Every structure is written in structure tokens, then in C-alpha cells.
Amino acid sequence: MNTDNYMDNPYYLDKFERAAAQLDRRLLLQHQMECKAGVWLRSVAFKMQKESWVNPTTTPLSFQESIFFPVWLNEEAIQAGQLYYNIHALKLRQLAGYSIQSRDFAADFQVRSEPFAKDWPNVDLDFGPLTLMQGWVETNLDDFDTVIPDLAGKFLKTAQIIDELLAERKKRGTLK
């Protein structure tokens, strides 16, 4: 592990990519979930989302006008010995084919997710409309490969709530 005061992106990116490779591809396909490891905003991250959760005008696995689940490391996380995770819901009002009020969506997500919150480590559901939930996992940073697949599995169960909330907000006459 890198012991300097800067983040060793290639080292951690390799670990995130190996963790992503452990995911059950059949299960991801069944849930229509895409995933990718990469470097974003000075963090190394693993990201999951459905194509249907992204505006068609943006790129796949986008951070714009979309809902997504990242697990990430940055300098702060490394110093704390933690992996961070959350569910973002960005620019939902602009998501094509839906009529979404972001605050209402976030409030409904919070209510429906409450029974599952006990399954998530150190989770907080009390955020605004851009972050539906957020938490962290204490981990050994040299061997966190098993943590990401575990969080991804929890997210696949939570994704159903997002699909239900979107279905309730689908504009009439849209095909998606």
C-alpha cells in the first residue's frame, strides 16, 4: 500500500477493478445493472447504475441527470481506513420520460428504504434530494476486495425501490 501523503490511484484502481470482476455477471444482467471502476473527482470509485436511470442525452455511466451507486476512496477515506458509499440522484427533474420532484422522490426513497437501513453499515438516510443515502465501511485498505461486492449486493436489493419510484413518476405516453 502507498504510505505517502498522496493517493496511489493505479494501486487502488486495480483493487476496485478486481472487486468489480468478482460480481456475478448473470445477476447484473438480470437487474440490467452496469458497473465500472474509474477515477472521478480525485477519488477512485466503483459505480453501478441502470441505463434507464440515465438521461438518453448523456453518456453511459454518467454523473449527469442520473441515479447511481458509487463506492469510493479518496485521501480522507484512506486516512480514516474507510470506504464511502452512497446513492446519488442528480438532476432528476431533467430525466427524460419522467415527471419528478426531487425532494418528493428523496422523501419517498427515505420512507421505503428505512426497513432496509439496518442492512447497510453506518448509513444515513437523512440527506437532501441529491444524495438519497450515504454511509461508510471500516476496512483494511490493503484487502477491501470483498467489501465492494457485498455493498453491490445490498444495492441490487435497494435498486428495486428506485425502479418503483421511477415507475410511479413515468410520464404518460412514454415508451420506457
Foldseek 3Di string as FASTA:
>chain_A
DDPDLADPQVVVLVLLVLLVVPADPVLCVVLQKDWDWDDDPQKTKIKIDHPLQAAPVDDPPDPAQGKMKMWIDHSVCVVVQKIKIFIFHHPPCPRPQFHDDQQVLLVQLLVVCVVVVVVDPQKDCPDGSGTRMMGMDRHHSVDCSNVVNSVVVSVSVSVVSVVVSRVVGGDPPDDD
